[in-house]
Amino acid sequence: MTDEHVSDGFRERLQQQVDALGQSEVARRMSCSAATIHQLRTGRYPSDTARWERIFDATFTEGPVDCPVLGEISREACALHRSRPFAATNPVRVRLYHACKVCPNNPEVQTNE
């Protein structure tokens, strides 16, 4: 069974990262198993791959992102804010918590593709 949902461009970019870093390191950075990376690379992933492509792009694409709360921030800062639990310590932190849950920069957000 092959996955028609894996674009060749994604497969090529994924393979380039595996060649540079190794399959285990790519998997670690994307918070998945090496088996998942292998299935994505070979087009045998058993489900829709759009989520993994968003996670890959968020993990390996350079440059800033446009945060709906803070404006232009680094990808690292975006990931940090996204990972923080809710805390009503200040209004900006509350706004970030709610915005991150639906933000297009969040690879966990489902989009209509």
PDB file of N, CA and C in Angstrom:
ATOM      1  N   MET A   1       0.845  -1.174   0.000  1.00  0.00           N
ATOM      2  CA  MET A   1       0.000   0.000   0.000  1.00  0.00           C
ATOM      3  C   MET A   1       0.890   1.237   0.000  1.00  0.00           C
ATOM      4  N   THR A   2       0.691   2.117  -0.953  1.00  0.00           N
ATOM      5  CA  THR A   2       1.449   3.363  -0.973  1.00  0.00           C
ATOM      6  C   THR A   2       0.537   4.511  -0.635  1.00  0.00           C
ATOM      7  N   ASP A   3       1.112   5.577  -0.141  1.00  0.00           N
ATOM      8  CA  ASP A   3       0.362   6.744   0.288  1.00  0.00           C
ATOM      9  C   ASP A   3       0.416   7.813  -0.788  1.00  0.00           C
ATOM     10  N   GLU A   4      -0.705   8.014  -1.471  1.00  0.00           N
ATOM     11  CA  GLU A   4      -0.759   9.007  -2.527  1.00  0.00           C
ATOM     12  C   GLU A   4      -0.708  10.417  -1.961  1.00  0.00           C
ATOM     13  N   HIS A   5      -0.887  10.567  -0.664  1.00  0.00           N
ATOM     14  CA  HIS A   5      -0.934  11.884  -0.042  1.00  0.00           C
ATOM     15  C   HIS A   5       0.454  12.476   0.208  1.00  0.00           C
ATOM     16  N   VAL A   6       1.502  11.691   0.087  1.00  0.00           N
ATOM     17  CA  VAL A   6       2.853  12.196   0.325  1.00  0.00           C
ATOM     18  C   VAL A   6       3.329  12.857  -0.955  1.00  0.00           C
ATOM     19  N   SER A   7       3.508  14.163  -0.915  1.00  0.00           N
ATOM     20  CA  SER A   7       3.988  14.850  -2.112  1.00  0.00           C
ATOM     21  C   SER A   7       5.456  14.520  -2.334  1.00  0.00           C
ATOM     22  N   ASP A   8       5.861  14.519  -3.611  1.00  0.00           N
ATOM     23  CA  ASP A   8       7.262  14.246  -3.926  1.00  0.00           C
ATOM     24  C   ASP A   8       8.174  15.293  -3.303  1.00  0.00           C
ATOM     25  N   GLY A   9       7.726  16.564  -3.271  1.00  0.00           N
ATOM     26  CA  GLY A   9       8.529  17.619  -2.668  1.00  0.00           C
ATOM     27  C   GLY A   9       8.789  17.362  -1.199  1.00  0.00           C
ATOM     28  N   PHE A  10       7.765  16.932  -0.481  1.00  0.00           N
ATOM     29  CA  PHE A  10       7.926  16.624   0.935  1.00  0.00           C
ATOM     30  C   PHE A  10       8.862  15.438   1.099  1.00  0.00           C
ATOM     31  N   ARG A  11       8.665  14.422   0.293  1.00  0.00           N
ATOM     32  CA  ARG A  11       9.510  13.227   0.365  1.00  0.00           C
ATOM     33  C   ARG A  11      10.978  13.578   0.121  1.00  0.00           C
ATOM     34  N   GLU A  12      11.229  14.431  -0.860  1.00  0.00           N
ATOM     35  CA  GLU A  12      12.602  14.837  -1.166  1.00  0.00           C
ATOM     36  C   GLU A  12      13.224  15.640  -0.022  1.00  0.00           C
ATOM     37  N   ARG A  13      12.471  16.591   0.528  1.00  0.00           N
ATOM     38  CA  ARG A  13      12.988  17.394   1.645  1.00  0.00           C
ATOM     39  C   ARG A  13      13.246  16.516   2.859  1.00  0.00           C
ATOM     40  N   LEU A  14      12.342  15.579   3.122  1.00  0.00           N
ATOM     41  CA  LEU A  14      12.523  14.653   4.241  1.00  0.00           C
ATOM     42  C   LEU A  14      13.775  13.813   4.029  1.00  0.00           C
ATOM     43  N   GLN A  15      13.959  13.305   2.817  1.00  0.00           N
ATOM     44  CA  GLN A  15      15.136  12.493   2.522  1.00  0.00           C
ATOM     45  C   GLN A  15      16.415  13.300   2.700  1.00  0.00           C
ATOM     46  N   GLN A  16      16.411  14.570   2.296  1.00  0.00           N
ATOM     47  CA  GLN A  16      17.586  15.423   2.474  1.00  0.00           C
ATOM     48  C   GLN A  16      17.944  15.563   3.952  1.00  0.00           C
ATOM     49  N   GLN A  17      16.948  15.739   4.808  1.00  0.00           N
ATOM     50  CA  GLN A  17      17.215  15.854   6.239  1.00  0.00           C
ATOM     51  C   GLN A  17      17.725  14.530   6.798  1.00  0.00           C
ATOM     52  N   VAL A  18      17.154  13.413   6.349  1.00  0.00           N
ATOM     53  CA  VAL A  18      17.625  12.099   6.803  1.00  0.00           C
ATOM     54  C   VAL A  18      19.066  11.882   6.356  1.00  0.00           C
ATOM     55  N   ASP A  19      19.391  12.265   5.133  1.00  0.00           N
ATOM     56  CA  ASP A  19      20.768  12.122   4.649  1.00  0.00           C
ATOM     57  C   ASP A  19      21.733  12.964   5.486  1.00  0.00           C
ATOM     58  N   ALA A  20      21.280  14.153   5.887  1.00  0.00           N
ATOM     59  CA  ALA A  20      22.154  15.058   6.642  1.00  0.00           C
ATOM     60  C   ALA A  20      22.263  14.690   8.116  1.00  0.00           C
ATOM     61  N   LEU A  21      21.156  14.269   8.730  1.00  0.00           N
ATOM     62  CA  LEU A  21      21.116  14.078  10.183  1.00  0.00           C
ATOM     63  C   LEU A  21      20.943  12.631  10.629  1.00  0.00           C
ATOM     64  N   GLY A  22      20.427  11.799   9.761  1.00  0.00           N
ATOM     65  CA  GLY A  22      20.086  10.432  10.137  1.00  0.00           C
ATOM     66  C   GLY A  22      18.611  10.318  10.489  1.00  0.00           C
ATOM     67  N   GLN A  23      18.047   9.171  10.212  1.00  0.00           N
ATOM     68  CA  GLN A  23      16.618   8.943  10.419  1.00  0.00           C
ATOM     69  C   GLN A  23      16.216   9.102  11.883  1.00  0.00           C
ATOM     70  N   SER A  24      17.015   8.599  12.800  1.00  0.00           N
ATOM     71  CA  SER A  24      16.682   8.688  14.224  1.00  0.00           C
ATOM     72  C   SER A  24      16.658  10.132  14.719  1.00  0.00           C
ATOM     73  N   GLU A  25      17.601  10.939  14.246  1.00  0.00           N
ATOM     74  CA  GLU A  25      17.645  12.345  14.673  1.00  0.00           C
ATOM     75  C   GLU A  25      16.465  13.126  14.100  1.00  0.00           C
ATOM     76  N   VAL A  26      16.109  12.878  12.860  1.00  0.00           N
ATOM     77  CA  VAL A  26      14.938  13.541  12.275  1.00  0.00           C
ATOM     78  C   VAL A  26      13.693  13.148  13.060  1.00  0.00           C
ATOM     79  N   ALA A  27      13.579  11.874  13.380  1.00  0.00           N
ATOM     80  CA  ALA A  27      12.437  11.403  14.157  1.00  0.00           C
ATOM     81  C   ALA A  27      12.402  12.052  15.542  1.00  0.00           C
ATOM     82  N   ARG A  28      13.540  12.157  16.185  1.00  0.00           N
ATOM     83  CA  ARG A  28      13.595  12.779  17.512  1.00  0.00           C
ATOM     84  C   ARG A  28      13.130  14.226  17.438  1.00  0.00           C
ATOM     85  N   ARG A  29      13.626  14.963  16.440  1.00  0.00           N
ATOM     86  CA  ARG A  29      13.260  16.373  16.315  1.00  0.00           C
ATOM     87  C   ARG A  29      11.784  16.573  15.973  1.00  0.00           C
ATOM     88  N   MET A  30      11.213  15.603  15.264  1.00  0.00           N
ATOM     89  CA  MET A  30       9.802  15.698  14.903  1.00  0.00           C
ATOM     90  C   MET A  30       8.891  15.020  15.925  1.00  0.00           C
ATOM     91  N   SER A  31       9.482  14.477  16.992  1.00  0.00           N
ATOM     92  CA  SER A  31       8.725  13.803  18.064  1.00  0.00           C
ATOM     93  C   SER A  31       7.890  12.643  17.534  1.00  0.00           C
ATOM     94  N   CYS A  32       8.552  11.781  16.774  1.00  0.00           N
ATOM     95  CA  CYS A  32       7.876  10.580  16.283  1.00  0.00           C
ATOM     96  C   CYS A  32       8.891   9.447  16.241  1.00  0.00           C
ATOM     97  N   SER A  33       8.475   8.313  15.758  1.00  0.00           N
ATOM     98  CA  SER A  33       9.385   7.168  15.697  1.00  0.00           C
ATOM     99  C   SER A  33      10.148   7.157  14.371  1.00  0.00           C
ATOM    100  N   ALA A  34      11.269   6.451  14.384  1.00  0.00           N
ATOM    101  CA  ALA A  34      12.042   6.271  13.148  1.00  0.00           C
ATOM    102  C   ALA A  34      11.215   5.505  12.124  1.00  0.00           C
ATOM    103  N   ALA A  35      10.344   4.626  12.584  1.00  0.00           N
ATOM    104  CA  ALA A  35       9.480   3.873  11.669  1.00  0.00           C
ATOM    105  C   ALA A  35       8.531   4.811  10.926  1.00  0.00           C
ATOM    106  N   THR A  36       8.024   5.822  11.614  1.00  0.00           N
ATOM    107  CA  THR A  36       7.156   6.801  10.959  1.00  0.00           C
ATOM    108  C   THR A  36       7.919   7.535   9.862  1.00  0.00           C
ATOM    109  N   ILE A  37       9.149   7.940  10.161  1.00  0.00           N
ATOM    110  CA  ILE A  37       9.969   8.627   9.162  1.00  0.00           C
ATOM    111  C   ILE A  37      10.203   7.716   7.966  1.00  0.00           C
ATOM    112  N   HIS A  38      10.509   6.456   8.223  1.00  0.00           N
ATOM    113  CA  HIS A  38      10.727   5.498   7.134  1.00  0.00           C
ATOM    114  C   HIS A  38       9.470   5.372   6.269  1.00  0.00           C
ATOM    115  N   GLN A  39       8.316   5.240   6.896  1.00  0.00           N
ATOM    116  CA  GLN A  39       7.063   5.110   6.139  1.00  0.00           C
ATOM    117  C   GLN A  39       6.773   6.369   5.326  1.00  0.00           C
ATOM    118  N   LEU A  40       7.053   7.526   5.891  1.00  0.00           N
ATOM    119  CA  LEU A  40       6.847   8.776   5.152  1.00  0.00           C
ATOM    120  C   LEU A  40       7.794   8.856   3.957  1.00  0.00           C
ATOM    121  N   ARG A  41       9.047   8.468   4.162  1.00  0.00           N
ATOM    122  CA  ARG A  41      10.048   8.528   3.092  1.00  0.00           C
ATOM    123  C   ARG A  41       9.715   7.589   1.945  1.00  0.00           C
ATOM    124  N   THR A  42       9.180   6.430   2.262  1.00  0.00           N
ATOM    125  CA  THR A  42       8.906   5.421   1.242  1.00  0.00           C
ATOM    126  C   THR A  42       7.489   5.504   0.689  1.00  0.00           C
ATOM    127  N   GLY A  43       6.683   6.444   1.199  1.00  0.00           N
ATOM    128  CA  GLY A  43       5.311   6.588   0.713  1.00  0.00           C
ATOM    129  C   GLY A  43       4.369   5.526   1.223  1.00  0.00           C
ATOM    130  N   ARG A  44       4.725   4.891   2.341  1.00  0.00           N
ATOM    131  CA  ARG A  44       3.896   3.809   2.887  1.00  0.00           C
ATOM    132  C   ARG A  44       3.188   4.188   4.184  1.00  0.00           C
ATOM    133  N   TYR A  45       3.157   5.492   4.496  1.00  0.00           N
ATOM    134  CA  TYR A  45       2.475   5.905   5.721  1.00  0.00           C
ATOM    135  C   TYR A  45       0.981   5.614   5.561  1.00  0.00           C
ATOM    136  N   PRO A  46       0.348   4.938   6.541  1.00  0.00           N
ATOM    137  CA  PRO A  46      -1.014   4.439   6.368  1.00  0.00           C
ATOM    138  C   PRO A  46      -2.127   5.477   6.531  1.00  0.00           C
ATOM    139  N   SER A  47      -1.800   6.733   6.684  1.00  0.00           N
ATOM    140  CA  SER A  47      -2.823   7.756   6.898  1.00  0.00           C
ATOM    141  C   SER A  47      -2.416   9.032   6.164  1.00  0.00           C
ATOM    142  N   ASP A  48      -3.241  10.050   6.268  1.00  0.00           N
ATOM    143  CA  ASP A  48      -2.942  11.330   5.645  1.00  0.00           C
ATOM    144  C   ASP A  48      -1.664  11.908   6.249  1.00  0.00           C
ATOM    145  N   THR A  49      -0.813  12.456   5.409  1.00  0.00           N
ATOM    146  CA  THR A  49       0.499  12.931   5.866  1.00  0.00           C
ATOM    147  C   THR A  49       0.583  14.440   6.025  1.00  0.00           C
ATOM    148  N   ALA A  50      -0.509  15.168   5.805  1.00  0.00           N
ATOM    149  CA  ALA A  50      -0.464  16.634   5.866  1.00  0.00           C
ATOM    150  C   ALA A  50       0.035  17.111   7.226  1.00  0.00           C
ATOM    151  N   ARG A  51      -0.384  16.458   8.284  1.00  0.00           N
ATOM    152  CA  ARG A  51       0.067  16.840   9.632  1.00  0.00           C
ATOM    153  C   ARG A  51       1.584  16.700   9.748  1.00  0.00           C
ATOM    154  N   TRP A  52       2.134  15.598   9.233  1.00  0.00           N
ATOM    155  CA  TRP A  52       3.580  15.393   9.334  1.00  0.00           C
ATOM    156  C   TRP A  52       4.344  16.392   8.481  1.00  0.00           C
ATOM    157  N   GLU A  53       3.778  16.785   7.352  1.00  0.00           N
ATOM    158  CA  GLU A  53       4.440  17.794   6.530  1.00  0.00           C
ATOM    159  C   GLU A  53       4.473  19.133   7.266  1.00  0.00           C
ATOM    160  N   ARG A  54       3.386  19.487   7.958  1.00  0.00           N
ATOM    161  CA  ARG A  54       3.378  20.734   8.749  1.00  0.00           C
ATOM    162  C   ARG A  54       4.399  20.664   9.883  1.00  0.00           C
ATOM    163  N   ILE A  55       4.493  19.522  10.555  1.00  0.00           N
ATOM    164  CA  ILE A  55       5.471  19.361  11.639  1.00  0.00           C
ATOM    165  C   ILE A  55       6.887  19.450  11.074  1.00  0.00           C
ATOM    166  N   PHE A  56       7.127  18.816   9.942  1.00  0.00           N
ATOM    167  CA  PHE A  56       8.443  18.884   9.305  1.00  0.00           C
ATOM    168  C   PHE A  56       8.800  20.331   8.991  1.00  0.00           C
ATOM    169  N   ASP A  57       7.884  21.052   8.358  1.00  0.00           N
ATOM    170  CA  ASP A  57       8.151  22.440   7.991  1.00  0.00           C
ATOM    171  C   ASP A  57       8.421  23.297   9.220  1.00  0.00           C
ATOM    172  N   ALA A  58       7.650  23.099  10.271  1.00  0.00           N
ATOM    173  CA  ALA A  58       7.857  23.876  11.496  1.00  0.00           C
ATOM    174  C   ALA A  58       9.189  23.526  12.157  1.00  0.00           C
ATOM    175  N   THR A  59       9.640  22.299  11.992  1.00  0.00           N
ATOM    176  CA  THR A  59      10.873  21.842  12.624  1.00  0.00           C
ATOM    177  C   THR A  59      12.117  22.260  11.846  1.00  0.00           C
ATOM    178  N   PHE A  60      12.056  22.192  10.527  1.00  0.00           N
ATOM    179  CA  PHE A  60      13.272  22.349   9.733  1.00  0.00           C
ATOM    180  C   PHE A  60      13.329  23.598   8.856  1.00  0.00           C
ATOM    181  N   THR A  61      12.278  24.388   8.822  1.00  0.00           N
ATOM    182  CA  THR A  61      12.308  25.592   8.011  1.00  0.00           C
ATOM    183  C   THR A  61      12.900  26.734   8.823  1.00  0.00           C
ATOM    184  N   GLU A  62      13.806  27.458   8.218  1.00  0.00           N
ATOM    185  CA  GLU A  62      14.473  28.581   8.876  1.00  0.00           C
ATOM    186  C   GLU A  62      13.601  29.828   8.786  1.00  0.00           C
ATOM    187  N   GLY A  63      13.930  30.807   9.601  1.00  0.00           N
ATOM    188  CA  GLY A  63      13.288  32.105   9.496  1.00  0.00           C
ATOM    189  C   GLY A  63      12.193  32.320  10.521  1.00  0.00           C
ATOM    190  N   PRO A  64      11.772  33.562  10.630  1.00  0.00           N
ATOM    191  CA  PRO A  64      10.758  33.916  11.621  1.00  0.00           C
ATOM    192  C   PRO A  64       9.350  33.526  11.179  1.00  0.00           C
ATOM    193  N   VAL A  65       8.431  33.573  12.128  1.00  0.00           N
ATOM    194  CA  VAL A  65       7.009  33.375  11.855  1.00  0.00           C
ATOM    195  C   VAL A  65       6.258  34.618  12.314  1.00  0.00           C
ATOM    196  N   ASP A  66       5.068  34.799  11.788  1.00  0.00           N
ATOM    197  CA  ASP A  66       4.235  35.930  12.167  1.00  0.00           C
ATOM    198  C   ASP A  66       3.262  35.471  13.242  1.00  0.00           C
ATOM    199  N   CYS A  67       3.526  35.836  14.488  1.00  0.00           N
ATOM    200  CA  CYS A  67       2.678  35.465  15.624  1.00  0.00           C
ATOM    201  C   CYS A  67       1.494  36.426  15.684  1.00  0.00           C
ATOM    202  N   PRO A  68       0.275  35.903  15.819  1.00  0.00           N
ATOM    203  CA  PRO A  68      -0.889  36.783  15.879  1.00  0.00           C
ATOM    204  C   PRO A  68      -0.929  37.649  17.146  1.00  0.00           C
ATOM    205  N   VAL A  69      -0.145  37.307  18.148  1.00  0.00           N
ATOM    206  CA  VAL A  69      -0.122  38.079  19.392  1.00  0.00           C
ATOM    207  C   VAL A  69       1.112  38.972  19.471  1.00  0.00           C
ATOM    208  N   LEU A  70       2.284  38.416  19.144  1.00  0.00           N
ATOM    209  CA  LEU A  70       3.549  39.128  19.346  1.00  0.00           C
ATOM    210  C   LEU A  70       4.146  39.730  18.078  1.00  0.00           C
ATOM    211  N   GLY A  71       3.600  39.434  16.926  1.00  0.00           N
ATOM    212  CA  GLY A  71       4.205  39.890  15.678  1.00  0.00           C
ATOM    213  C   GLY A  71       5.262  38.909  15.218  1.00  0.00           C
ATOM    214  N   GLU A  72       6.326  39.394  14.582  1.00  0.00           N
ATOM    215  CA  GLU A  72       7.368  38.523  14.059  1.00  0.00           C
ATOM    216  C   GLU A  72       8.255  38.009  15.188  1.00  0.00           C
ATOM    217  N   ILE A  73       8.333  36.667  15.301  1.00  0.00           N
ATOM    218  CA  ILE A  73       9.172  36.028  16.321  1.00  0.00           C
ATOM    219  C   ILE A  73       9.905  34.856  15.684  1.00  0.00           C
ATOM    220  N   SER A  74      10.930  34.361  16.351  1.00  0.00           N
ATOM    221  CA  SER A  74      11.674  33.205  15.839  1.00  0.00           C
ATOM    222  C   SER A  74      10.828  31.939  15.976  1.00  0.00           C
ATOM    223  N   ARG A  75      11.167  30.925  15.183  1.00  0.00           N
ATOM    224  CA  ARG A  75      10.464  29.636  15.286  1.00  0.00           C
ATOM    225  C   ARG A  75      10.662  29.008  16.660  1.00  0.00           C
ATOM    226  N   GLU A  76      11.856  29.235  17.237  1.00  0.00           N
ATOM    227  CA  GLU A  76      12.127  28.695  18.571  1.00  0.00           C
ATOM    228  C   GLU A  76      11.215  29.344  19.608  1.00  0.00           C
ATOM    229  N   ALA A  77      11.040  30.665  19.524  1.00  0.00           N
ATOM    230  CA  ALA A  77      10.148  31.360  20.458  1.00  0.00           C
ATOM    231  C   ALA A  77       8.713  30.893  20.256  1.00  0.00           C
ATOM    232  N   CYS A  78       8.329  30.689  19.015  1.00  0.00           N
ATOM    233  CA  CYS A  78       6.984  30.187  18.710  1.00  0.00           C
ATOM    234  C   CYS A  78       6.773  28.826  19.384  1.00  0.00           C
ATOM    235  N   ALA A  79       7.722  27.927  19.213  1.00  0.00           N
ATOM    236  CA  ALA A  79       7.616  26.593  19.815  1.00  0.00           C
ATOM    237  C   ALA A  79       7.582  26.677  21.338  1.00  0.00           C
ATOM    238  N   LEU A  80       8.364  27.577  21.907  1.00  0.00           N
ATOM    239  CA  LEU A  80       8.376  27.747  23.356  1.00  0.00           C
ATOM    240  C   LEU A  80       7.004  28.202  23.861  1.00  0.00           C
ATOM    241  N   HIS A  81       6.456  29.232  23.256  1.00  0.00           N
ATOM    242  CA  HIS A  81       5.132  29.721  23.683  1.00  0.00           C
ATOM    243  C   HIS A  81       4.067  28.655  23.489  1.00  0.00           C
ATOM    244  N   ARG A  82       4.149  27.919  22.394  1.00  0.00           N
ATOM    245  CA  ARG A  82       3.182  26.872  22.088  1.00  0.00           C
ATOM    246  C   ARG A  82       3.218  25.755  23.119  1.00  0.00           C
ATOM    247  N   SER A  83       4.383  25.494  23.695  1.00  0.00           N
ATOM    248  CA  SER A  83       4.529  24.370  24.627  1.00  0.00           C
ATOM    249  C   SER A  83       4.181  24.725  26.072  1.00  0.00           C
ATOM    250  N   ARG A  84       4.011  25.990  26.349  1.00  0.00           N
ATOM    251  CA  ARG A  84       3.763  26.399  27.739  1.00  0.00           C
ATOM    252  C   ARG A  84       2.326  26.093  28.159  1.00  0.00           C
ATOM    253  N   PRO A  85       2.145  25.640  29.384  1.00  0.00           N
ATOM    254  CA  PRO A  85       0.786  25.382  29.877  1.00  0.00           C
ATOM    255  C   PRO A  85       0.068  26.690  30.191  1.00  0.00           C
ATOM    256  N   PHE A  86      -1.241  26.599  30.347  1.00  0.00           N
ATOM    257  CA  PHE A  86      -2.010  27.796  30.687  1.00  0.00           C
ATOM    258  C   PHE A  86      -1.576  28.325  32.048  1.00  0.00           C
ATOM    259  N   ALA A  87      -1.412  29.633  32.121  1.00  0.00           N
ATOM    260  CA  ALA A  87      -1.139  30.318  33.386  1.00  0.00           C
ATOM    261  C   ALA A  87      -1.639  31.747  33.237  1.00  0.00           C
ATOM    262  N   ALA A  88      -2.491  32.150  34.133  1.00  0.00           N
ATOM    263  CA  ALA A  88      -3.070  33.491  34.074  1.00  0.00           C
ATOM    264  C   ALA A  88      -2.156  34.492  34.771  1.00  0.00           C
ATOM    265  N   THR A  89      -0.876  34.453  34.464  1.00  0.00           N
ATOM    266  CA  THR A  89       0.088  35.327  35.127  1.00  0.00           C
ATOM    267  C   THR A  89       0.100  36.730  34.552  1.00  0.00           C
ATOM    268  N   ASN A  90      -0.258  36.844  33.252  1.00  0.00           N
ATOM    269  CA  ASN A  90      -0.416  38.171  32.652  1.00  0.00           C
ATOM    270  C   ASN A  90      -1.283  38.045  31.405  1.00  0.00           C
ATOM    271  N   PRO A  91      -1.866  39.153  30.942  1.00  0.00           N
ATOM    272  CA  PRO A  91      -2.787  39.074  29.803  1.00  0.00           C
ATOM    273  C   PRO A  91      -2.151  38.567  28.508  1.00  0.00           C
ATOM    274  N   VAL A  92      -0.896  38.881  28.282  1.00  0.00           N
ATOM    275  CA  VAL A  92      -0.231  38.414  27.060  1.00  0.00           C
ATOM    276  C   VAL A  92      -0.095  36.895  27.080  1.00  0.00           C
ATOM    277  N   ARG A  93       0.261  36.354  28.215  1.00  0.00           N
ATOM    278  CA  ARG A  93       0.409  34.892  28.315  1.00  0.00           C
ATOM    279  C   ARG A  93      -0.933  34.195  28.077  1.00  0.00           C
ATOM    280  N   VAL A  94      -2.008  34.771  28.577  1.00  0.00           N
ATOM    281  CA  VAL A  94      -3.340  34.198  28.357  1.00  0.00           C
ATOM    282  C   VAL A  94      -3.686  34.258  26.867  1.00  0.00           C
ATOM    283  N   ARG A  95      -3.433  35.405  26.229  1.00  0.00           N
ATOM    284  CA  ARG A  95      -3.715  35.547  24.796  1.00  0.00           C
ATOM    285  C   ARG A  95      -2.891  34.572  23.978  1.00  0.00           C
ATOM    286  N   LEU A  96      -1.610  34.395  24.331  1.00  0.00           N
ATOM    287  CA  LEU A  96      -0.757  33.437  23.626  1.00  0.00           C
ATOM    288  C   LEU A  96      -1.292  32.020  23.750  1.00  0.00           C
ATOM    289  N   TYR A  97      -1.687  31.646  24.957  1.00  0.00           N
ATOM    290  CA  TYR A  97      -2.187  30.286  25.170  1.00  0.00           C
ATOM    291  C   TYR A  97      -3.367  30.002  24.236  1.00  0.00           C
ATOM    292  N   HIS A  98      -4.303  30.910  24.177  1.00  0.00           N
ATOM    293  CA  HIS A  98      -5.492  30.700  23.342  1.00  0.00           C
ATOM    294  C   HIS A  98      -5.169  30.806  21.853  1.00  0.00           C
ATOM    295  N   ALA A  99      -4.312  31.756  21.474  1.00  0.00           N
ATOM    296  CA  ALA A  99      -3.963  31.925  20.063  1.00  0.00           C
ATOM    297  C   ALA A  99      -3.172  30.735  19.533  1.00  0.00           C
ATOM    298  N   CYS A 100      -2.254  30.202  20.335  1.00  0.00           N
ATOM    299  CA  CYS A 100      -1.410  29.087  19.889  1.00  0.00           C
ATOM    300  C   CYS A 100      -2.235  27.843  19.554  1.00  0.00           C
ATOM    301  N   LYS A 101      -3.352  27.667  20.214  1.00  0.00           N
ATOM    302  CA  LYS A 101      -4.177  26.476  19.998  1.00  0.00           C
ATOM    303  C   LYS A 101      -4.794  26.439  18.600  1.00  0.00           C
ATOM    304  N   VAL A 102      -4.962  27.611  17.968  1.00  0.00           N
ATOM    305  CA  VAL A 102      -5.597  27.661  16.654  1.00  0.00           C
ATOM    306  C   VAL A 102      -4.709  28.325  15.595  1.00  0.00           C
ATOM    307  N   CYS A 103      -3.477  28.607  15.949  1.00  0.00           N
ATOM    308  CA  CYS A 103      -2.567  29.341  15.070  1.00  0.00           C
ATOM    309  C   CYS A 103      -2.121  28.494  13.876  1.00  0.00           C
ATOM    310  N   PRO A 104      -2.070  29.083  12.676  1.00  0.00           N
ATOM    311  CA  PRO A 104      -1.582  28.326  11.518  1.00  0.00           C
ATOM    312  C   PRO A 104      -0.098  27.968  11.609  1.00  0.00           C
ATOM    313  N   ASN A 105       0.643  28.610  12.515  1.00  0.00           N
ATOM    314  CA  ASN A 105       2.057  28.262  12.714  1.00  0.00           C
ATOM    315  C   ASN A 105       2.219  27.011  13.577  1.00  0.00           C
ATOM    316  N   ASN A 106       1.156  26.563  14.213  1.00  0.00           N
ATOM    317  CA  ASN A 106       1.190  25.389  15.072  1.00  0.00           C
ATOM    318  C   ASN A 106       1.008  24.142  14.204  1.00  0.00           C
ATOM    319  N   PRO A 107       1.992  23.261  14.135  1.00  0.00           N
ATOM    320  CA  PRO A 107       1.871  22.091  13.269  1.00  0.00           C
ATOM    321  C   PRO A 107       0.791  21.116  13.715  1.00  0.00           C
ATOM    322  N   GLU A 108       0.296  21.247  14.931  1.00  0.00           N
ATOM    323  CA  GLU A 108      -0.747  20.356  15.415  1.00  0.00           C
ATOM    324  C   GLU A 108      -2.133  20.808  15.003  1.00  0.00           C
ATOM    325  N   VAL A 109      -2.268  22.027  14.491  1.00  0.00           N
ATOM    326  CA  VAL A 109      -3.566  22.554  14.082  1.00  0.00           C
ATOM    327  C   VAL A 109      -3.949  21.934  12.749  1.00  0.00           C
ATOM    328  N   GLN A 110      -5.141  21.386  12.681  1.00  0.00           N
ATOM    329  CA  GLN A 110      -5.641  20.803  11.437  1.00  0.00           C
ATOM    330  C   GLN A 110      -6.102  21.915  10.517  1.00  0.00           C
ATOM    331  N   THR A 111      -5.691  21.851   9.265  1.00  0.00           N
ATOM    332  CA  THR A 111      -6.149  22.827   8.275  1.00  0.00           C
ATOM    333  C   THR A 111      -6.973  22.107   7.231  1.00  0.00           C
ATOM    334  N   ASN A 112      -7.752  22.853   6.511  1.00  0.00           N
ATOM    335  CA  ASN A 112      -8.592  22.268   5.445  1.00  0.00           C
ATOM    336  C   ASN A 112      -7.782  22.216   4.153  1.00  0.00           C
ATOM    337  N   GLU A 113      -7.058  21.128   3.964  1.00  0.00           N
ATOM    338  CA  GLU A 113      -6.222  20.972   2.773  1.00  0.00           C
ATOM    339  C   GLU A 113      -6.838  19.981   1.840  1.00  0.00           C
TER     340      GLU A 113
END
